[in-house]
Each structure stands twice: as structure tokens, then as C-alpha cells.
């Protein structure tokens, strides 16, 4: 299901979501992370190639897809 991002904060808050995967371009990552925090998310898995500025109580795990793809090709 795809929904308008204008309703993102409300939908996430109502569903009591606490973990989110952030898979947006770097140019949209901080604004999206801010919305996730506002919605009540406390853990973010960040695929965007940018460091996020979030409150201390928010855990961010950074993932670099290019590095992981390189590691996978080793096994091919």
C-alpha cells in the first residue's frame, strides 16, 4: 500500500510504530527522520548516505547498501 506522506506522522503514531527503515535520498533523509521522531519512532535503520541529527534517545543504525553488495559479490 502506498499512501501520501502528508499523513505519515499521524498514521505512524496511530499504529504505535517504534522502528522505521529510512530509505529515501540523502536530500530528504533529515526531514523524513524528523517526521519519524515526531511520530514516536525510537529506532531508525538508515539506508540514506547521511548522518542524521536526532535526539539522544533515538537509536540510529546506519547501513551502506553499496558496501553490503560488495560483500555479497565476494561469495559469488
PDB file of N, CA and C in Angstrom:
ATOM      1  N   UNK A   1       0.840  -1.170   0.000  1.00  0.00           N
ATOM      2  CA  UNK A   1       0.000   0.000   0.000  1.00  0.00           C
ATOM      3  C   UNK A   1       0.892   1.242   0.000  1.00  0.00           C
ATOM      4  N   UNK A   2       0.569   2.196  -0.819  1.00  0.00           N
ATOM      5  CA  UNK A   2       1.283   3.469  -0.881  1.00  0.00           C
ATOM      6  C   UNK A   2       0.331   4.558  -0.421  1.00  0.00           C
ATOM      7  N   UNK A   3       0.813   5.406   0.466  1.00  0.00           N
ATOM      8  CA  UNK A   3      -0.017   6.482   0.988  1.00  0.00           C
ATOM      9  C   UNK A   3       0.709   7.812   0.848  1.00  0.00           C
ATOM     10  N   UNK A   4      -0.035   8.876   0.898  1.00  0.00           N
ATOM     11  CA  UNK A   4       0.505  10.228   0.842  1.00  0.00           C
ATOM     12  C   UNK A   4       1.338  10.480   2.099  1.00  0.00           C
ATOM     13  N   UNK A   5       2.548  10.980   1.933  1.00  0.00           N
ATOM     14  CA  UNK A   5       3.425  11.229   3.081  1.00  0.00           C
ATOM     15  C   UNK A   5       2.893  12.343   3.982  1.00  0.00           C
ATOM     16  N   UNK A   6       1.932  13.106   3.515  1.00  0.00           N
ATOM     17  CA  UNK A   6       1.328  14.154   4.341  1.00  0.00           C
ATOM     18  C   UNK A   6       0.652  13.565   5.584  1.00  0.00           C
ATOM     19  N   UNK A   7       0.277  12.291   5.522  1.00  0.00           N
ATOM     20  CA  UNK A   7      -0.395  11.635   6.636  1.00  0.00           C
ATOM     21  C   UNK A   7       0.534  10.724   7.432  1.00  0.00           C
ATOM     22  N   UNK A   8       1.819  10.753   7.120  1.00  0.00           N
ATOM     23  CA  UNK A   8       2.780   9.829   7.693  1.00  0.00           C
ATOM     24  C   UNK A   8       2.843   9.904   9.219  1.00  0.00           C
ATOM     25  N   UNK A   9       2.990  11.084   9.769  1.00  0.00           N
ATOM     26  CA  UNK A   9       3.138  11.219  11.220  1.00  0.00           C
ATOM     27  C   UNK A   9       1.912  10.660  11.933  1.00  0.00           C
ATOM     28  N   UNK A  10       0.745  11.038  11.488  1.00  0.00           N
ATOM     29  CA  UNK A  10      -0.495  10.576  12.105  1.00  0.00           C
ATOM     30  C   UNK A  10      -0.648   9.062  12.005  1.00  0.00           C
ATOM     31  N   UNK A  11      -0.367   8.499  10.824  1.00  0.00           N
ATOM     32  CA  UNK A  11      -0.527   7.051  10.623  1.00  0.00           C
ATOM     33  C   UNK A  11       0.459   6.254  11.488  1.00  0.00           C
ATOM     34  N   UNK A  12       1.700   6.716  11.546  1.00  0.00           N
ATOM     35  CA  UNK A  12       2.718   6.021  12.351  1.00  0.00           C
ATOM     36  C   UNK A  12       2.364   6.104  13.823  1.00  0.00           C
ATOM     37  N   UNK A  13       1.975   7.273  14.280  1.00  0.00           N
ATOM     38  CA  UNK A  13       1.599   7.462  15.686  1.00  0.00           C
ATOM     39  C   UNK A  13       0.409   6.567  16.043  1.00  0.00           C
ATOM     40  N   UNK A  14      -0.610   6.555  15.203  1.00  0.00           N
ATOM     41  CA  UNK A  14      -1.808   5.747  15.474  1.00  0.00           C
ATOM     42  C   UNK A  14      -1.513   4.250  15.494  1.00  0.00           C
ATOM     43  N   UNK A  15      -0.543   3.819  14.698  1.00  0.00           N
ATOM     44  CA  UNK A  15      -0.178   2.399  14.652  1.00  0.00           C
ATOM     45  C   UNK A  15       0.842   2.031  15.731  1.00  0.00           C
ATOM     46  N   UNK A  16       1.312   3.025  16.498  1.00  0.00           N
ATOM     47  CA  UNK A  16       2.280   2.816  17.565  1.00  0.00           C
ATOM     48  C   UNK A  16       3.578   2.172  17.054  1.00  0.00           C
ATOM     49  N   UNK A  17       4.014   2.608  15.883  1.00  0.00           N
ATOM     50  CA  UNK A  17       5.247   2.106  15.279  1.00  0.00           C
ATOM     51  C   UNK A  17       6.439   2.680  16.044  1.00  0.00           C
ATOM     52  N   UNK A  18       7.412   1.850  16.356  1.00  0.00           N
ATOM     53  CA  UNK A  18       8.593   2.291  17.105  1.00  0.00           C
ATOM     54  C   UNK A  18       9.888   2.142  16.308  1.00  0.00           C
ATOM     55  N   UNK A  19       9.869   1.328  15.256  1.00  0.00           N
ATOM     56  CA  UNK A  19      11.061   1.100  14.434  1.00  0.00           C
ATOM     57  C   UNK A  19      10.720   1.430  12.984  1.00  0.00           C
ATOM     58  N   UNK A  20      11.630   2.155  12.320  1.00  0.00           N
ATOM     59  CA  UNK A  20      11.399   2.522  10.922  1.00  0.00           C
ATOM     60  C   UNK A  20      12.665   2.304  10.104  1.00  0.00           C
ATOM     61  N   UNK A  21      12.469   1.961   8.838  1.00  0.00           N
ATOM     62  CA  UNK A  21      13.562   1.880   7.876  1.00  0.00           C
ATOM     63  C   UNK A  21      13.498   3.143   7.026  1.00  0.00           C
ATOM     64  N   UNK A  22      14.573   3.893   7.002  1.00  0.00           N
ATOM     65  CA  UNK A  22      14.641   5.136   6.249  1.00  0.00           C
ATOM     66  C   UNK A  22      15.361   4.869   4.937  1.00  0.00           C
ATOM     67  N   UNK A  23      14.616   4.873   3.844  1.00  0.00           N
ATOM     68  CA  UNK A  23      15.165   4.520   2.530  1.00  0.00           C
ATOM     69  C   UNK A  23      14.814   5.603   1.521  1.00  0.00           C
ATOM     70  N   UNK A  24      15.237   6.813   1.823  1.00  0.00           N
ATOM     71  CA  UNK A  24      14.973   7.959   0.956  1.00  0.00           C
ATOM     72  C   UNK A  24      16.304   8.544   0.500  1.00  0.00           C
ATOM     73  N   UNK A  25      16.288   9.398  -0.541  1.00  0.00           N
ATOM     74  CA  UNK A  25      17.537  10.061  -0.944  1.00  0.00           C
ATOM     75  C   UNK A  25      18.094  10.915   0.196  1.00  0.00           C
ATOM     76  N   UNK A  26      19.386  11.142   0.168  1.00  0.00           N
ATOM     77  CA  UNK A  26      20.040  11.936   1.211  1.00  0.00           C
ATOM     78  C   UNK A  26      19.378  13.298   1.386  1.00  0.00           C
ATOM     79  N   UNK A  27      18.917  13.884   0.298  1.00  0.00           N
ATOM     80  CA  UNK A  27      18.305  15.216   0.364  1.00  0.00           C
ATOM     81  C   UNK A  27      17.002  15.235   1.163  1.00  0.00           C
ATOM     82  N   UNK A  28      16.363  14.093   1.325  1.00  0.00           N
ATOM     83  CA  UNK A  28      15.099  14.015   2.063  1.00  0.00           C
ATOM     84  C   UNK A  28      15.251  13.328   3.415  1.00  0.00           C
ATOM     85  N   UNK A  29      16.424  12.815   3.732  1.00  0.00           N
ATOM     86  CA  UNK A  29      16.603  11.968   4.910  1.00  0.00           C
ATOM     87  C   UNK A  29      16.367  12.702   6.226  1.00  0.00           C
ATOM     88  N   UNK A  30      16.947  13.876   6.412  1.00  0.00           N
ATOM     89  CA  UNK A  30      16.792  14.563   7.698  1.00  0.00           C
ATOM     90  C   UNK A  30      15.349  14.966   7.941  1.00  0.00           C
ATOM     91  N   UNK A  31      14.688  15.508   6.938  1.00  0.00           N
ATOM     92  CA  UNK A  31      13.284  15.913   7.105  1.00  0.00           C
ATOM     93  C   UNK A  31      12.403  14.703   7.405  1.00  0.00           C
ATOM     94  N   UNK A  32      12.677  13.591   6.756  1.00  0.00           N
ATOM     95  CA  UNK A  32      11.900  12.377   6.994  1.00  0.00           C
ATOM     96  C   UNK A  32      12.176  11.841   8.390  1.00  0.00           C
ATOM     97  N   UNK A  33      13.435  11.848   8.802  1.00  0.00           N
ATOM     98  CA  UNK A  33      13.784  11.404  10.151  1.00  0.00           C
ATOM     99  C   UNK A  33      13.100  12.275  11.191  1.00  0.00           C
ATOM    100  N   UNK A  34      13.045  13.577  10.957  1.00  0.00           N
ATOM    101  CA  UNK A  34      12.357  14.477  11.886  1.00  0.00           C
ATOM    102  C   UNK A  34      10.889  14.091  12.028  1.00  0.00           C
ATOM    103  N   UNK A  35      10.252  13.729  10.922  1.00  0.00           N
ATOM    104  CA  UNK A  35       8.849  13.308  10.958  1.00  0.00           C
ATOM    105  C   UNK A  35       8.703  11.987  11.716  1.00  0.00           C
ATOM    106  N   UNK A  36       9.642  11.076  11.506  1.00  0.00           N
ATOM    107  CA  UNK A  36       9.596   9.795  12.216  1.00  0.00           C
ATOM    108  C   UNK A  36       9.695  10.010  13.722  1.00  0.00           C
ATOM    109  N   UNK A  37      10.616  10.869  14.145  1.00  0.00           N
ATOM    110  CA  UNK A  37      10.775  11.167  15.569  1.00  0.00           C
ATOM    111  C   UNK A  37       9.497  11.808  16.110  1.00  0.00           C
ATOM    112  N   UNK A  38       8.941  12.745  15.365  1.00  0.00           N
ATOM    113  CA  UNK A  38       7.697  13.401  15.767  1.00  0.00           C
ATOM    114  C   UNK A  38       6.564  12.387  15.918  1.00  0.00           C
ATOM    115  N   UNK A  39       6.583  11.351  15.097  1.00  0.00           N
ATOM    116  CA  UNK A  39       5.545  10.321  15.125  1.00  0.00           C
ATOM    117  C   UNK A  39       5.726   9.328  16.274  1.00  0.00           C
ATOM    118  N   UNK A  40       6.888   9.360  16.939  1.00  0.00           N
ATOM    119  CA  UNK A  40       7.113   8.460  18.065  1.00  0.00           C
ATOM    120  C   UNK A  40       8.063   7.313  17.802  1.00  0.00           C
ATOM    121  N   UNK A  41       8.673   7.279  16.624  1.00  0.00           N
ATOM    122  CA  UNK A  41       9.655   6.237  16.313  1.00  0.00           C
ATOM    123  C   UNK A  41      10.893   6.453  17.184  1.00  0.00           C
ATOM    124  N   UNK A  42      11.425   5.373  17.748  1.00  0.00           N
ATOM    125  CA  UNK A  42      12.595   5.485  18.622  1.00  0.00           C
ATOM    126  C   UNK A  42      13.826   4.767  18.085  1.00  0.00           C
ATOM    127  N   UNK A  43      13.668   4.052  16.959  1.00  0.00           N
ATOM    128  CA  UNK A  43      14.800   3.370  16.334  1.00  0.00           C
ATOM    129  C   UNK A  43      14.656   3.491  14.818  1.00  0.00           C
ATOM    130  N   UNK A  44      15.748   3.911  14.167  1.00  0.00           N
ATOM    131  CA  UNK A  44      15.726   4.126  12.722  1.00  0.00           C
ATOM    132  C   UNK A  44      16.865   3.350  12.079  1.00  0.00           C
ATOM    133  N   UNK A  45      16.534   2.537  11.101  1.00  0.00           N
ATOM    134  CA  UNK A  45      17.522   1.860  10.271  1.00  0.00           C
ATOM    135  C   UNK A  45      17.695   2.744   9.038  1.00  0.00           C
ATOM    136  N   UNK A  46      18.834   3.407   8.940  1.00  0.00           N
ATOM    137  CA  UNK A  46      19.051   4.438   7.933  1.00  0.00           C
ATOM    138  C   UNK A  46      19.882   3.935   6.762  1.00  0.00           C
ATOM    139  N   UNK A  47      19.265   3.861   5.584  1.00  0.00           N
ATOM    140  CA  UNK A  47      19.963   3.484   4.360  1.00  0.00           C
ATOM    141  C   UNK A  47      20.458   4.698   3.588  1.00  0.00           C
ATOM    142  N   UNK A  48      20.044   5.893   3.968  1.00  0.00           N
ATOM    143  CA  UNK A  48      20.463   7.103   3.267  1.00  0.00           C
ATOM    144  C   UNK A  48      21.925   7.410   3.608  1.00  0.00           C
ATOM    145  N   UNK A  49      22.689   7.869   2.625  1.00  0.00           N
ATOM    146  CA  UNK A  49      24.113   8.142   2.866  1.00  0.00           C
ATOM    147  C   UNK A  49      24.326   9.492   3.547  1.00  0.00           C
ATOM    148  N   UNK A  50      23.798   9.628   4.754  1.00  0.00           N
ATOM    149  CA  UNK A  50      23.897  10.877   5.504  1.00  0.00           C
ATOM    150  C   UNK A  50      23.784  10.568   6.991  1.00  0.00           C
ATOM    151  N   UNK A  51      24.500  11.327   7.814  1.00  0.00           N
ATOM    152  CA  UNK A  51      24.360  11.211   9.264  1.00  0.00           C
ATOM    153  C   UNK A  51      23.165  12.049   9.693  1.00  0.00           C
ATOM    154  N   UNK A  52      22.347  11.472  10.517  1.00  0.00           N
ATOM    155  CA  UNK A  52      21.132  12.148  10.956  1.00  0.00           C
ATOM    156  C   UNK A  52      21.354  12.856  12.281  1.00  0.00           C
ATOM    157  N   UNK A  53      20.689  13.981  12.445  1.00  0.00           N
ATOM    158  CA  UNK A  53      20.706  14.717  13.692  1.00  0.00           C
ATOM    159  C   UNK A  53      19.384  14.422  14.400  1.00  0.00           C
ATOM    160  N   UNK A  54      19.437  13.542  15.401  1.00  0.00           N
ATOM    161  CA  UNK A  54      18.242  13.135  16.130  1.00  0.00           C
ATOM    162  C   UNK A  54      18.499  13.283  17.631  1.00  0.00           C
ATOM    163  N   UNK A  55      17.446  13.331  18.442  1.00  0.00           N
ATOM    164  CA  UNK A  55      17.632  13.393  19.898  1.00  0.00           C
ATOM    165  C   UNK A  55      18.408  12.181  20.419  1.00  0.00           C
ATOM    166  N   UNK A  56      19.014  12.352  21.578  1.00  0.00           N
ATOM    167  CA  UNK A  56      19.838  11.290  22.170  1.00  0.00           C
ATOM    168  C   UNK A  56      19.079   9.999  22.440  1.00  0.00           C
ATOM    169  N   UNK A  57      17.767  10.083  22.643  1.00  0.00           N
ATOM    170  CA  UNK A  57      17.004   8.871  22.968  1.00  0.00           C
ATOM    171  C   UNK A  57      16.593   8.076  21.724  1.00  0.00           C
ATOM    172  N   UNK A  58      16.982   8.541  20.542  1.00  0.00           N
ATOM    173  CA  UNK A  58      16.655   7.847  19.292  1.00  0.00           C
ATOM    174  C   UNK A  58      17.885   7.070  18.838  1.00  0.00           C
ATOM    175  N   UNK A  59      17.710   5.771  18.615  1.00  0.00           N
ATOM    176  CA  UNK A  59      18.821   4.939  18.143  1.00  0.00           C
ATOM    177  C   UNK A  59      18.786   4.890  16.616  1.00  0.00           C
ATOM    178  N   UNK A  60      19.936   5.193  16.004  1.00  0.00           N
ATOM    179  CA  UNK A  60      20.046   5.120  14.544  1.00  0.00           C
ATOM    180  C   UNK A  60      21.118   4.102  14.187  1.00  0.00           C
ATOM    181  N   UNK A  61      20.762   3.177  13.306  1.00  0.00           N
ATOM    182  CA  UNK A  61      21.712   2.204  12.759  1.00  0.00           C
ATOM    183  C   UNK A  61      21.924   2.567  11.296  1.00  0.00           C
ATOM    184  N   UNK A  62      23.171   2.793  10.929  1.00  0.00           N
ATOM    185  CA  UNK A  62      23.486   3.185   9.555  1.00  0.00           C
ATOM    186  C   UNK A  62      23.853   1.959   8.730  1.00  0.00           C
ATOM    187  N   UNK A  63      23.287   1.873   7.530  1.00  0.00           N
ATOM    188  CA  UNK A  63      23.532   0.770   6.611  1.00  0.00           C
ATOM    189  C   UNK A  63      24.011   1.363   5.288  1.00  0.00           C
ATOM    190  N   UNK A  64      25.098   0.850   4.755  1.00  0.00           N
ATOM    191  CA  UNK A  64      25.590   1.290   3.454  1.00  0.00           C
ATOM    192  C   UNK A  64      25.332   0.171   2.449  1.00  0.00           C
ATOM    193  N   UNK A  65      24.296   0.319   1.625  1.00  0.00           N
ATOM    194  CA  UNK A  65      23.951  -0.751   0.678  1.00  0.00           C
ATOM    195  C   UNK A  65      25.098  -1.107  -0.269  1.00  0.00           C
ATOM    196  N   UNK A  66      25.878  -0.143  -0.702  1.00  0.00           N
ATOM    197  CA  UNK A  66      26.978  -0.423  -1.629  1.00  0.00           C
ATOM    198  C   UNK A  66      28.004  -1.348  -0.981  1.00  0.00           C
ATOM    199  N   UNK A  67      28.334  -1.101   0.256  1.00  0.00           N
ATOM    200  CA  UNK A  67      29.287  -1.955   0.970  1.00  0.00           C
ATOM    201  C   UNK A  67      28.746  -3.372   1.113  1.00  0.00           C
ATOM    202  N   UNK A  68      27.482  -3.489   1.448  1.00  0.00           N
ATOM    203  CA  UNK A  68      26.891  -4.818   1.619  1.00  0.00           C
ATOM    204  C   UNK A  68      26.797  -5.567   0.293  1.00  0.00           C
ATOM    205  N   UNK A  69      26.525  -4.857  -0.788  1.00  0.00           N
ATOM    206  CA  UNK A  69      26.515  -5.506  -2.105  1.00  0.00           C
ATOM    207  C   UNK A  69      27.916  -6.002  -2.469  1.00  0.00           C
ATOM    208  N   UNK A  70      28.939  -5.218  -2.143  1.00  0.00           N
ATOM    209  CA  UNK A  70      30.311  -5.647  -2.403  1.00  0.00           C
ATOM    210  C   UNK A  70      30.616  -6.923  -1.642  1.00  0.00           C
ATOM    211  N   UNK A  71      30.221  -6.970  -0.386  1.00  0.00           N
ATOM    212  CA  UNK A  71      30.457  -8.166   0.412  1.00  0.00           C
ATOM    213  C   UNK A  71      29.749  -9.381  -0.178  1.00  0.00           C
ATOM    214  N   UNK A  72      28.538  -9.175  -0.682  1.00  0.00           N
ATOM    215  CA  UNK A  72      27.791 -10.286  -1.266  1.00  0.00           C
ATOM    216  C   UNK A  72      28.442 -10.805  -2.537  1.00  0.00           C
ATOM    217  N   UNK A  73      29.030  -9.928  -3.348  1.00  0.00           N
ATOM    218  CA  UNK A  73      29.664 -10.377  -4.585  1.00  0.00           C
ATOM    219  C   UNK A  73      30.887 -11.230  -4.317  1.00  0.00           C
ATOM    220  N   UNK A  74      31.487 -11.068  -3.153  1.00  0.00           N
ATOM    221  CA  UNK A  74      32.624 -11.901  -2.777  1.00  0.00           C
ATOM    222  C   UNK A  74      32.251 -13.379  -2.832  1.00  0.00           C
ATOM    223  N   UNK A  75      31.025 -13.693  -2.411  1.00  0.00           N
ATOM    224  CA  UNK A  75      30.578 -15.075  -2.332  1.00  0.00           C
ATOM    225  C   UNK A  75      30.092 -15.635  -3.681  1.00  0.00           C
ATOM    226  N   UNK A  76      29.978 -14.778  -4.680  1.00  0.00           N
ATOM    227  CA  UNK A  76      29.575 -15.239  -5.995  1.00  0.00           C
ATOM    228  C   UNK A  76      30.777 -15.798  -6.693  1.00  0.00           C
TER     229      UNK A  76
END
